[in-house]
Amino acid sequence: MTDRRVALLRGINVGRAKRISMGDLRALFAGLGYGDVRTLLNSGNVVFTVTKRSTGDQAERIERAIADRLGVTTRVTVLLGREVAEAIRENPLKRVAADPSRLLFLTLRDSAVLTQLRPLLKERWEPEALALGKRVAYLWCARGISDSRLWTAIHRVIGEAGTARNLTTMTKLLALVDERTESEG
């Protein structure tokens, strides 16, 4: 029995310091005993399966391996495939967000970090918007990240505790998870 997961690596292939080839990343995951390893885009999005021989804290294990074998320090957030599906399905901002590239899913390694974001819900962000899910904060950055007061405030509060992907990327990751599920059925 396999368990599909999605690993989101923070800041990979941004700038010159944290470049990892997706081939090297796939090989690293396979070397850790994960199966059916697929990468999406060239930015540290990995869909993989967990077998009985690869148990424990996957995010920590992957972070250590990337640092030890590839010489890159990065934060890793691992979500179950069903958590990705749930985050997309329960997206409370789908009626507000007109552009999927500006609707961000800030995935958090530790859901307790959401409590740090709760005070931001009381502020007015128009035309931007913020909503909180179970392990995801939803950010509608109407004018993009570079001009977002909300994005700046989030980083001030939680720092490096999460990593963001837009709706388009999250939907593509879910398609990879679903593709693997269908091929087993």
N, C-alpha and C. Protein backbone atom coordinates (compact mmCIF):
# COMPACT_ATOMS: atom_id res chain seq x y z
N MET A 1 0.85 -1.19 0.00
CA MET A 1 0.00 0.00 0.00
C MET A 1 0.88 1.25 0.00
N THR A 2 0.64 2.16 -0.89
CA THR A 2 1.43 3.39 -0.98
C THR A 2 0.63 4.58 -0.50
N ASP A 3 1.33 5.62 -0.17
CA ASP A 3 0.73 6.85 0.33
C ASP A 3 1.32 8.02 -0.45
N ARG A 4 0.52 8.65 -1.31
CA ARG A 4 1.00 9.75 -2.14
C ARG A 4 1.14 11.02 -1.33
N ARG A 5 2.24 11.70 -1.56
CA ARG A 5 2.50 12.96 -0.86
C ARG A 5 3.06 13.97 -1.85
N VAL A 6 3.00 15.21 -1.42
CA VAL A 6 3.54 16.31 -2.20
C VAL A 6 4.53 17.04 -1.32
N ALA A 7 5.75 17.20 -1.81
CA ALA A 7 6.78 17.97 -1.10
C ALA A 7 6.95 19.30 -1.81
N LEU A 8 6.89 20.37 -1.04
CA LEU A 8 7.08 21.72 -1.56
C LEU A 8 8.36 22.26 -0.94
N LEU A 9 9.36 22.54 -1.76
CA LEU A 9 10.64 23.04 -1.28
C LEU A 9 10.65 24.55 -1.40
N ARG A 10 11.05 25.21 -0.36
CA ARG A 10 11.03 26.67 -0.31
C ARG A 10 12.28 27.25 -0.98
N GLY A 11 12.06 28.12 -1.95
CA GLY A 11 13.13 28.91 -2.53
C GLY A 11 14.08 28.17 -3.46
N ILE A 12 13.71 26.99 -3.91
CA ILE A 12 14.59 26.25 -4.81
C ILE A 12 14.52 26.89 -6.20
N ASN A 13 15.69 27.00 -6.83
CA ASN A 13 15.83 27.57 -8.18
C ASN A 13 15.42 29.04 -8.25
N VAL A 14 15.52 29.72 -7.11
CA VAL A 14 15.33 31.17 -7.08
C VAL A 14 16.70 31.77 -6.80
N GLY A 15 17.21 32.56 -7.73
CA GLY A 15 18.56 33.08 -7.56
C GLY A 15 19.58 32.01 -7.89
N ARG A 16 20.83 32.31 -7.67
CA ARG A 16 21.91 31.37 -8.01
C ARG A 16 22.27 30.42 -6.88
N ALA A 17 21.99 30.79 -5.65
CA ALA A 17 22.46 30.04 -4.49
C ALA A 17 21.73 28.72 -4.27
N LYS A 18 20.49 28.61 -4.65
CA LYS A 18 19.70 27.42 -4.32
C LYS A 18 19.21 26.69 -5.56
N ARG A 19 20.07 26.46 -6.50
CA ARG A 19 19.69 25.75 -7.71
C ARG A 19 19.90 24.25 -7.54
N ILE A 20 18.86 23.51 -7.84
CA ILE A 20 18.93 22.05 -7.83
C ILE A 20 18.27 21.58 -9.13
N SER A 21 18.93 20.71 -9.85
CA SER A 21 18.28 20.17 -11.04
C SER A 21 17.17 19.23 -10.59
N MET A 22 16.10 19.22 -11.35
CA MET A 22 14.98 18.35 -10.99
C MET A 22 15.38 16.88 -11.13
N GLY A 23 16.31 16.57 -12.03
CA GLY A 23 16.82 15.20 -12.14
C GLY A 23 17.54 14.79 -10.87
N ASP A 24 18.37 15.68 -10.32
CA ASP A 24 19.06 15.39 -9.05
C ASP A 24 18.06 15.24 -7.92
N LEU A 25 17.03 16.06 -7.93
CA LEU A 25 16.02 16.00 -6.88
C LEU A 25 15.24 14.68 -6.95
N ARG A 26 14.87 14.26 -8.16
CA ARG A 26 14.18 12.98 -8.31
C ARG A 26 15.08 11.83 -7.85
N ALA A 27 16.35 11.88 -8.21
CA ALA A 27 17.29 10.83 -7.80
C ALA A 27 17.44 10.79 -6.29
N LEU A 28 17.48 11.95 -5.66
CA LEU A 28 17.59 12.02 -4.19
C LEU A 28 16.37 11.36 -3.55
N PHE A 29 15.17 11.69 -4.02
CA PHE A 29 13.96 11.09 -3.46
C PHE A 29 13.97 9.57 -3.65
N ALA A 30 14.34 9.12 -4.84
CA ALA A 30 14.41 7.68 -5.09
C ALA A 30 15.43 7.03 -4.17
N GLY A 31 16.56 7.69 -3.96
CA GLY A 31 17.59 7.18 -3.08
C GLY A 31 17.15 7.08 -1.63
N LEU A 32 16.17 7.90 -1.25
CA LEU A 32 15.62 7.84 0.10
C LEU A 32 14.58 6.73 0.24
N GLY A 33 14.31 6.03 -0.86
CA GLY A 33 13.37 4.93 -0.80
C GLY A 33 11.95 5.30 -1.18
N TYR A 34 11.73 6.51 -1.66
CA TYR A 34 10.40 6.90 -2.09
C TYR A 34 10.16 6.37 -3.50
N GLY A 35 8.91 6.12 -3.81
CA GLY A 35 8.57 5.58 -5.11
C GLY A 35 7.82 6.57 -5.96
N ASP A 36 7.71 6.24 -7.23
CA ASP A 36 6.89 6.98 -8.18
C ASP A 36 7.15 8.49 -8.08
N VAL A 37 8.41 8.88 -8.11
CA VAL A 37 8.82 10.27 -7.91
C VAL A 37 8.63 11.07 -9.19
N ARG A 38 7.89 12.16 -9.07
CA ARG A 38 7.65 13.06 -10.21
C ARG A 38 7.87 14.49 -9.73
N THR A 39 8.48 15.30 -10.57
CA THR A 39 8.63 16.72 -10.25
C THR A 39 7.73 17.52 -11.18
N LEU A 40 7.34 18.68 -10.69
CA LEU A 40 6.52 19.58 -11.49
C LEU A 40 7.23 20.91 -11.57
N LEU A 41 7.37 21.39 -12.77
CA LEU A 41 8.06 22.65 -13.01
C LEU A 41 9.51 22.53 -12.54
N ASN A 42 10.22 23.61 -12.58
CA ASN A 42 11.62 23.60 -12.17
C ASN A 42 11.78 24.41 -10.88
N SER A 43 10.90 24.09 -9.90
CA SER A 43 10.90 24.92 -8.71
C SER A 43 10.72 24.16 -7.40
N GLY A 44 11.02 22.88 -7.40
CA GLY A 44 10.97 22.15 -6.14
C GLY A 44 9.60 21.67 -5.73
N ASN A 45 8.83 21.18 -6.65
CA ASN A 45 7.54 20.56 -6.37
C ASN A 45 7.68 19.08 -6.71
N VAL A 46 7.48 18.21 -5.73
CA VAL A 46 7.70 16.79 -5.93
C VAL A 46 6.49 16.00 -5.46
N VAL A 47 6.01 15.10 -6.29
CA VAL A 47 4.97 14.15 -5.91
C VAL A 47 5.65 12.80 -5.80
N PHE A 48 5.36 12.08 -4.71
CA PHE A 48 6.04 10.81 -4.47
C PHE A 48 5.16 9.92 -3.61
N THR A 49 5.54 8.64 -3.53
CA THR A 49 4.84 7.70 -2.67
C THR A 49 5.75 7.30 -1.53
N VAL A 50 5.12 6.98 -0.42
CA VAL A 50 5.83 6.54 0.78
C VAL A 50 5.50 5.07 0.96
N THR A 51 6.52 4.29 1.18
CA THR A 51 6.33 2.86 1.42
C THR A 51 6.62 2.60 2.89
N LYS A 52 6.41 1.38 3.31
CA LYS A 52 6.65 1.04 4.72
C LYS A 52 8.10 1.26 5.13
N ARG A 53 9.03 1.10 4.21
CA ARG A 53 10.43 1.23 4.59
C ARG A 53 10.89 2.69 4.71
N SER A 54 10.05 3.63 4.34
CA SER A 54 10.41 5.04 4.48
C SER A 54 9.38 5.75 5.36
N THR A 55 9.52 5.55 6.65
CA THR A 55 8.58 6.13 7.61
C THR A 55 9.25 7.27 8.38
N GLY A 56 8.49 7.92 9.24
CA GLY A 56 9.03 9.01 10.06
C GLY A 56 8.67 10.37 9.49
N ASP A 57 9.32 11.41 10.01
CA ASP A 57 9.08 12.79 9.57
C ASP A 57 9.71 13.00 8.21
N GLN A 58 8.87 12.96 7.18
CA GLN A 58 9.36 13.04 5.81
C GLN A 58 10.03 14.38 5.52
N ALA A 59 9.45 15.49 5.97
CA ALA A 59 10.00 16.82 5.67
C ALA A 59 11.42 16.96 6.22
N GLU A 60 11.59 16.57 7.47
CA GLU A 60 12.91 16.66 8.10
C GLU A 60 13.92 15.78 7.37
N ARG A 61 13.51 14.57 7.07
CA ARG A 61 14.38 13.62 6.38
C ARG A 61 14.81 14.16 5.02
N ILE A 62 13.88 14.74 4.28
CA ILE A 62 14.18 15.29 2.96
C ILE A 62 15.10 16.50 3.08
N GLU A 63 14.82 17.38 4.03
CA GLU A 63 15.68 18.57 4.25
C GLU A 63 17.12 18.16 4.52
N ARG A 64 17.29 17.19 5.42
CA ARG A 64 18.64 16.73 5.77
C ARG A 64 19.36 16.15 4.56
N ALA A 65 18.65 15.35 3.79
CA ALA A 65 19.25 14.72 2.61
C ALA A 65 19.65 15.77 1.57
N ILE A 66 18.81 16.77 1.36
CA ILE A 66 19.14 17.82 0.39
C ILE A 66 20.39 18.57 0.84
N ALA A 67 20.45 18.88 2.13
CA ALA A 67 21.63 19.59 2.66
C ALA A 67 22.88 18.71 2.55
N ASP A 68 22.78 17.45 2.97
CA ASP A 68 23.94 16.55 2.99
C ASP A 68 24.42 16.16 1.58
N ARG A 69 23.49 15.84 0.70
CA ARG A 69 23.86 15.29 -0.61
C ARG A 69 23.96 16.34 -1.71
N LEU A 70 23.15 17.41 -1.60
CA LEU A 70 23.15 18.41 -2.67
C LEU A 70 23.72 19.75 -2.24
N GLY A 71 24.02 19.88 -0.93
CA GLY A 71 24.65 21.10 -0.43
C GLY A 71 23.74 22.33 -0.42
N VAL A 72 22.42 22.12 -0.37
CA VAL A 72 21.48 23.24 -0.39
C VAL A 72 20.60 23.15 0.87
N THR A 73 20.45 24.28 1.54
CA THR A 73 19.58 24.35 2.70
C THR A 73 18.24 24.91 2.26
N THR A 74 17.18 24.18 2.58
CA THR A 74 15.83 24.60 2.20
C THR A 74 14.83 24.09 3.22
N ARG A 75 13.70 24.76 3.33
CA ARG A 75 12.59 24.27 4.15
C ARG A 75 11.71 23.42 3.25
N VAL A 76 11.23 22.33 3.80
CA VAL A 76 10.37 21.42 3.05
C VAL A 76 9.06 21.26 3.80
N THR A 77 7.98 21.37 3.08
CA THR A 77 6.66 21.09 3.63
C THR A 77 6.11 19.90 2.86
N VAL A 78 5.63 18.91 3.58
CA VAL A 78 5.07 17.72 2.94
C VAL A 78 3.58 17.66 3.27
N LEU A 79 2.79 17.53 2.24
CA LEU A 79 1.34 17.39 2.39
C LEU A 79 0.90 16.04 1.84
N LEU A 80 -0.09 15.45 2.45
CA LEU A 80 -0.71 14.26 1.88
C LEU A 80 -1.46 14.68 0.63
N GLY A 81 -1.58 13.79 -0.31
CA GLY A 81 -2.34 14.09 -1.52
C GLY A 81 -3.75 14.55 -1.19
N ARG A 82 -4.37 13.92 -0.21
CA ARG A 82 -5.74 14.32 0.17
C ARG A 82 -5.78 15.71 0.79
N GLU A 83 -4.67 16.15 1.42
CA GLU A 83 -4.63 17.51 1.96
C GLU A 83 -4.58 18.55 0.84
N VAL A 84 -3.89 18.22 -0.23
CA VAL A 84 -3.86 19.11 -1.39
C VAL A 84 -5.26 19.20 -1.99
N ALA A 85 -5.92 18.07 -2.15
CA ALA A 85 -7.28 18.05 -2.70
C ALA A 85 -8.23 18.84 -1.81
N GLU A 86 -8.12 18.65 -0.51
CA GLU A 86 -8.99 19.36 0.44
C GLU A 86 -8.74 20.87 0.40
N ALA A 87 -7.48 21.27 0.33
CA ALA A 87 -7.16 22.71 0.29
C ALA A 87 -7.78 23.36 -0.95
N ILE A 88 -7.72 22.68 -2.07
CA ILE A 88 -8.30 23.22 -3.31
C ILE A 88 -9.82 23.23 -3.22
N ARG A 89 -10.39 22.14 -2.77
CA ARG A 89 -11.85 22.01 -2.68
C ARG A 89 -12.45 23.03 -1.70
N GLU A 90 -11.79 23.24 -0.58
CA GLU A 90 -12.33 24.12 0.46
C GLU A 90 -11.85 25.56 0.35
N ASN A 91 -11.26 25.92 -0.75
CA ASN A 91 -10.75 27.26 -0.98
C ASN A 91 -11.86 28.31 -0.78
N PRO A 92 -11.78 29.10 0.30
CA PRO A 92 -12.83 30.08 0.57
C PRO A 92 -12.74 31.34 -0.28
N LEU A 93 -11.68 31.51 -1.05
CA LEU A 93 -11.49 32.72 -1.83
C LEU A 93 -11.77 32.52 -3.33
N LYS A 94 -12.30 31.38 -3.71
CA LYS A 94 -12.50 31.10 -5.13
C LYS A 94 -13.43 32.10 -5.81
N ARG A 95 -14.34 32.69 -5.08
CA ARG A 95 -15.24 33.68 -5.70
C ARG A 95 -14.60 35.05 -5.82
N VAL A 96 -13.59 35.30 -5.00
CA VAL A 96 -12.92 36.61 -4.99
C VAL A 96 -11.77 36.65 -6.00
N ALA A 97 -11.06 35.54 -6.09
CA ALA A 97 -9.84 35.48 -6.89
C ALA A 97 -10.14 35.31 -8.37
N ALA A 98 -9.83 36.33 -9.14
CA ALA A 98 -10.10 36.30 -10.57
C ALA A 98 -8.95 35.69 -11.38
N ASP A 99 -7.75 35.66 -10.81
CA ASP A 99 -6.56 35.18 -11.52
C ASP A 99 -5.90 34.10 -10.67
N PRO A 100 -5.90 32.83 -11.12
CA PRO A 100 -5.34 31.75 -10.32
C PRO A 100 -3.85 31.91 -10.01
N SER A 101 -3.14 32.71 -10.79
CA SER A 101 -1.71 32.91 -10.52
C SER A 101 -1.49 33.85 -9.34
N ARG A 102 -2.53 34.58 -8.93
CA ARG A 102 -2.41 35.51 -7.80
C ARG A 102 -3.12 35.03 -6.54
N LEU A 103 -3.69 33.84 -6.61
CA LEU A 103 -4.30 33.22 -5.44
C LEU A 103 -3.29 32.23 -4.88
N LEU A 104 -2.73 32.56 -3.73
CA LEU A 104 -1.67 31.75 -3.15
C LEU A 104 -2.18 30.84 -2.04
N PHE A 105 -1.63 29.65 -2.02
CA PHE A 105 -1.87 28.69 -0.95
C PHE A 105 -0.56 28.66 -0.16
N LEU A 106 -0.55 29.24 1.01
CA LEU A 106 0.62 29.24 1.87
C LEU A 106 0.55 27.99 2.72
N THR A 107 1.34 26.98 2.36
CA THR A 107 1.31 25.72 3.08
C THR A 107 2.24 25.81 4.27
N LEU A 108 1.76 25.30 5.38
CA LEU A 108 2.49 25.41 6.64
C LEU A 108 2.92 24.03 7.12
N ARG A 109 4.15 23.94 7.52
CA ARG A 109 4.66 22.67 8.02
C ARG A 109 3.97 22.31 9.33
N ASP A 110 3.68 23.31 10.14
CA ASP A 110 3.04 23.10 11.43
C ASP A 110 1.76 23.93 11.46
N SER A 111 0.61 23.27 11.56
CA SER A 111 -0.66 23.99 11.53
C SER A 111 -0.82 24.95 12.70
N ALA A 112 -0.03 24.80 13.75
CA ALA A 112 -0.10 25.72 14.89
C ALA A 112 0.28 27.14 14.49
N VAL A 113 1.02 27.29 13.41
CA VAL A 113 1.42 28.61 12.92
C VAL A 113 0.19 29.42 12.51
N LEU A 114 -0.89 28.74 12.16
CA LEU A 114 -2.12 29.45 11.78
C LEU A 114 -2.60 30.39 12.90
N THR A 115 -2.38 30.00 14.14
CA THR A 115 -2.82 30.86 15.25
C THR A 115 -2.09 32.21 15.22
N GLN A 116 -0.87 32.22 14.73
CA GLN A 116 -0.12 33.48 14.61
C GLN A 116 -0.73 34.39 13.54
N LEU A 117 -1.42 33.79 12.58
CA LEU A 117 -2.01 34.57 11.50
C LEU A 117 -3.42 35.07 11.81
N ARG A 118 -4.07 34.50 12.80
CA ARG A 118 -5.45 34.88 13.12
C ARG A 118 -5.65 36.38 13.32
N PRO A 119 -4.75 37.08 14.01
CA PRO A 119 -4.96 38.53 14.18
C PRO A 119 -5.02 39.29 12.85
N LEU A 120 -4.37 38.78 11.81
CA LEU A 120 -4.41 39.44 10.50
C LEU A 120 -5.79 39.38 9.86
N LEU A 121 -6.63 38.44 10.30
CA LEU A 121 -7.99 38.33 9.77
C LEU A 121 -8.84 39.55 10.14
N LYS A 122 -8.46 40.23 11.20
CA LYS A 122 -9.22 41.40 11.67
C LYS A 122 -8.91 42.67 10.90
N GLU A 123 -7.83 42.64 10.12
CA GLU A 123 -7.43 43.82 9.36
C GLU A 123 -8.14 43.86 8.01
N ARG A 124 -8.23 45.05 7.46
CA ARG A 124 -8.82 45.23 6.13
C ARG A 124 -7.69 45.17 5.09
N TRP A 125 -7.87 44.32 4.10
CA TRP A 125 -6.82 44.10 3.11
C TRP A 125 -7.26 44.47 1.70
N GLU A 126 -8.48 44.92 1.49
CA GLU A 126 -8.98 45.19 0.15
C GLU A 126 -7.98 45.98 -0.68
N PRO A 127 -7.79 45.58 -1.92
CA PRO A 127 -8.50 44.55 -2.68
C PRO A 127 -7.99 43.14 -2.43
N GLU A 128 -7.07 42.98 -1.51
CA GLU A 128 -6.54 41.65 -1.18
C GLU A 128 -7.47 40.97 -0.18
N ALA A 129 -7.20 39.68 0.06
CA ALA A 129 -8.01 38.94 1.02
C ALA A 129 -7.18 37.83 1.64
N LEU A 130 -7.55 37.47 2.87
CA LEU A 130 -6.89 36.40 3.62
C LEU A 130 -7.95 35.49 4.21
N ALA A 131 -7.71 34.19 4.14
CA ALA A 131 -8.56 33.20 4.78
C ALA A 131 -7.65 32.09 5.28
N LEU A 132 -8.10 31.39 6.32
CA LEU A 132 -7.30 30.31 6.89
C LEU A 132 -8.04 28.98 6.77
N GLY A 133 -7.27 27.96 6.40
CA GLY A 133 -7.79 26.61 6.33
C GLY A 133 -7.16 25.77 7.42
N LYS A 134 -7.11 24.46 7.22
CA LYS A 134 -6.55 23.56 8.23
C LYS A 134 -5.02 23.61 8.29
N ARG A 135 -4.36 23.57 7.15
CA ARG A 135 -2.90 23.66 7.08
C ARG A 135 -2.44 24.67 6.06
N VAL A 136 -3.39 25.45 5.57
CA VAL A 136 -3.12 26.38 4.49
C VAL A 136 -3.71 27.75 4.82
N ALA A 137 -2.94 28.78 4.52
CA ALA A 137 -3.49 30.13 4.53
C ALA A 137 -3.70 30.51 3.07
N TYR A 138 -4.84 31.09 2.76
CA TYR A 138 -5.19 31.49 1.41
C TYR A 138 -4.97 32.99 1.29
N LEU A 139 -4.20 33.40 0.31
CA LEU A 139 -3.90 34.82 0.11
C LEU A 139 -4.29 35.23 -1.29
N TRP A 140 -5.19 36.18 -1.41
CA TRP A 140 -5.53 36.75 -2.69
C TRP A 140 -4.71 38.02 -2.82
N CYS A 141 -3.71 38.00 -3.67
CA CYS A 141 -2.81 39.13 -3.92
C CYS A 141 -3.23 39.75 -5.25
N ALA A 142 -4.21 40.62 -5.20
CA ALA A 142 -4.87 41.15 -6.39
C ALA A 142 -3.90 41.80 -7.38
N ARG A 143 -2.86 42.43 -6.86
CA ARG A 143 -1.89 43.11 -7.74
C ARG A 143 -0.57 42.34 -7.85
N GLY A 144 -0.55 41.13 -7.36
CA GLY A 144 0.67 40.32 -7.40
C GLY A 144 1.43 40.41 -6.07
N ILE A 145 2.37 39.50 -5.89
CA ILE A 145 3.12 39.42 -4.64
C ILE A 145 3.98 40.66 -4.40
N SER A 146 4.62 41.15 -5.44
CA SER A 146 5.56 42.25 -5.26
C SER A 146 4.89 43.53 -4.74
N ASP A 147 3.60 43.69 -4.99
CA ASP A 147 2.87 44.87 -4.52
C ASP A 147 1.89 44.54 -3.40
N SER A 148 2.09 43.44 -2.71
CA SER A 148 1.11 42.97 -1.74
C SER A 148 1.46 43.35 -0.30
N ARG A 149 0.60 44.16 0.30
CA ARG A 149 0.74 44.47 1.73
C ARG A 149 0.51 43.22 2.56
N LEU A 150 -0.45 42.39 2.13
CA LEU A 150 -0.78 41.16 2.83
C LEU A 150 0.43 40.22 2.88
N TRP A 151 1.06 40.01 1.73
CA TRP A 151 2.23 39.13 1.65
C TRP A 151 3.33 39.62 2.60
N THR A 152 3.56 40.93 2.62
CA THR A 152 4.57 41.51 3.50
C THR A 152 4.22 41.26 4.97
N ALA A 153 2.96 41.45 5.32
CA ALA A 153 2.51 41.24 6.70
C ALA A 153 2.64 39.78 7.12
N ILE A 154 2.29 38.88 6.23
CA ILE A 154 2.40 37.43 6.52
C ILE A 154 3.85 37.08 6.84
N HIS A 155 4.77 37.55 6.01
CA HIS A 155 6.18 37.24 6.24
C HIS A 155 6.71 37.86 7.53
N ARG A 156 6.22 39.01 7.87
CA ARG A 156 6.62 39.65 9.12
C ARG A 156 6.18 38.79 10.31
N VAL A 157 5.01 38.17 10.21
CA VAL A 157 4.46 37.39 11.31
C VAL A 157 5.09 35.99 11.40
N ILE A 158 5.20 35.28 10.28
CA ILE A 158 5.64 33.87 10.36
C ILE A 158 7.01 33.60 9.77
N GLY A 159 7.62 34.57 9.12
CA GLY A 159 8.95 34.36 8.55
C GLY A 159 8.98 33.23 7.55
N GLU A 160 9.84 32.26 7.76
CA GLU A 160 10.06 31.14 6.84
C GLU A 160 9.25 29.90 7.18
N ALA A 161 8.18 30.04 7.96
CA ALA A 161 7.42 28.89 8.45
C ALA A 161 6.55 28.21 7.40
N GLY A 162 6.45 28.78 6.22
CA GLY A 162 5.62 28.16 5.19
C GLY A 162 6.18 28.45 3.81
N THR A 163 5.56 27.84 2.82
CA THR A 163 5.94 28.10 1.44
C THR A 163 4.66 28.23 0.61
N ALA A 164 4.68 29.12 -0.35
CA ALA A 164 3.47 29.40 -1.11
C ALA A 164 3.55 28.87 -2.54
N ARG A 165 2.40 28.41 -3.02
CA ARG A 165 2.22 28.03 -4.41
C ARG A 165 0.89 28.62 -4.85
N ASN A 166 0.81 29.00 -6.11
CA ASN A 166 -0.45 29.55 -6.58
C ASN A 166 -1.43 28.42 -6.93
N LEU A 167 -2.68 28.81 -7.16
CA LEU A 167 -3.72 27.83 -7.45
C LEU A 167 -3.39 27.00 -8.68
N THR A 168 -2.82 27.61 -9.68
CA THR A 168 -2.47 26.88 -10.90
C THR A 168 -1.50 25.74 -10.59
N THR A 169 -0.47 26.03 -9.81
CA THR A 169 0.52 25.00 -9.46
C THR A 169 -0.10 23.94 -8.57
N MET A 170 -0.90 24.34 -7.59
CA MET A 170 -1.52 23.36 -6.70
C MET A 170 -2.45 22.42 -7.49
N THR A 171 -3.15 22.95 -8.46
CA THR A 171 -4.04 22.14 -9.29
C THR A 171 -3.23 21.14 -10.13
N LYS A 172 -2.09 21.57 -10.64
CA LYS A 172 -1.22 20.67 -11.41
C LYS A 172 -0.64 19.58 -10.51
N LEU A 173 -0.27 19.93 -9.28
CA LEU A 173 0.24 18.93 -8.34
C LEU A 173 -0.84 17.90 -8.03
N LEU A 174 -2.06 18.36 -7.82
CA LEU A 174 -3.16 17.43 -7.55
C LEU A 174 -3.39 16.51 -8.75
N ALA A 175 -3.27 17.04 -9.95
CA ALA A 175 -3.43 16.20 -11.14
C ALA A 175 -2.37 15.10 -11.17
N LEU A 176 -1.14 15.40 -10.75
CA LEU A 176 -0.09 14.37 -10.68
C LEU A 176 -0.44 13.32 -9.63
N VAL A 177 -0.95 13.77 -8.49
CA VAL A 177 -1.37 12.82 -7.45
C VAL A 177 -2.49 11.94 -7.98
N ASP A 178 -3.50 12.55 -8.59
CA ASP A 178 -4.64 11.80 -9.12
C ASP A 178 -4.25 10.86 -10.25
N GLU A 179 -3.31 11.30 -11.09
CA GLU A 179 -2.83 10.46 -12.19
C GLU A 179 -2.25 9.17 -11.65
N ARG A 180 -1.51 9.26 -10.59
CA ARG A 180 -0.91 8.07 -9.98
C ARG A 180 -1.97 7.19 -9.35
N THR A 181 -2.98 7.79 -8.74
CA THR A 181 -4.06 7.03 -8.12
C THR A 181 -4.82 6.24 -9.19
N GLU A 182 -5.13 6.89 -10.30
CA GLU A 182 -5.87 6.23 -11.37
C GLU A 182 -5.07 5.09 -11.99
N SER A 183 -3.75 5.25 -12.09
CA SER A 183 -2.94 4.20 -12.72
C SER A 183 -2.87 2.94 -11.87
N GLU A 184 -3.16 3.05 -10.57
CA GLU A 184 -3.17 1.88 -9.71
C GLU A 184 -4.52 1.18 -9.68
N GLY A 185 -5.58 1.94 -10.04
CA GLY A 185 -6.94 1.43 -9.92
C GLY A 185 -7.30 0.43 -10.90
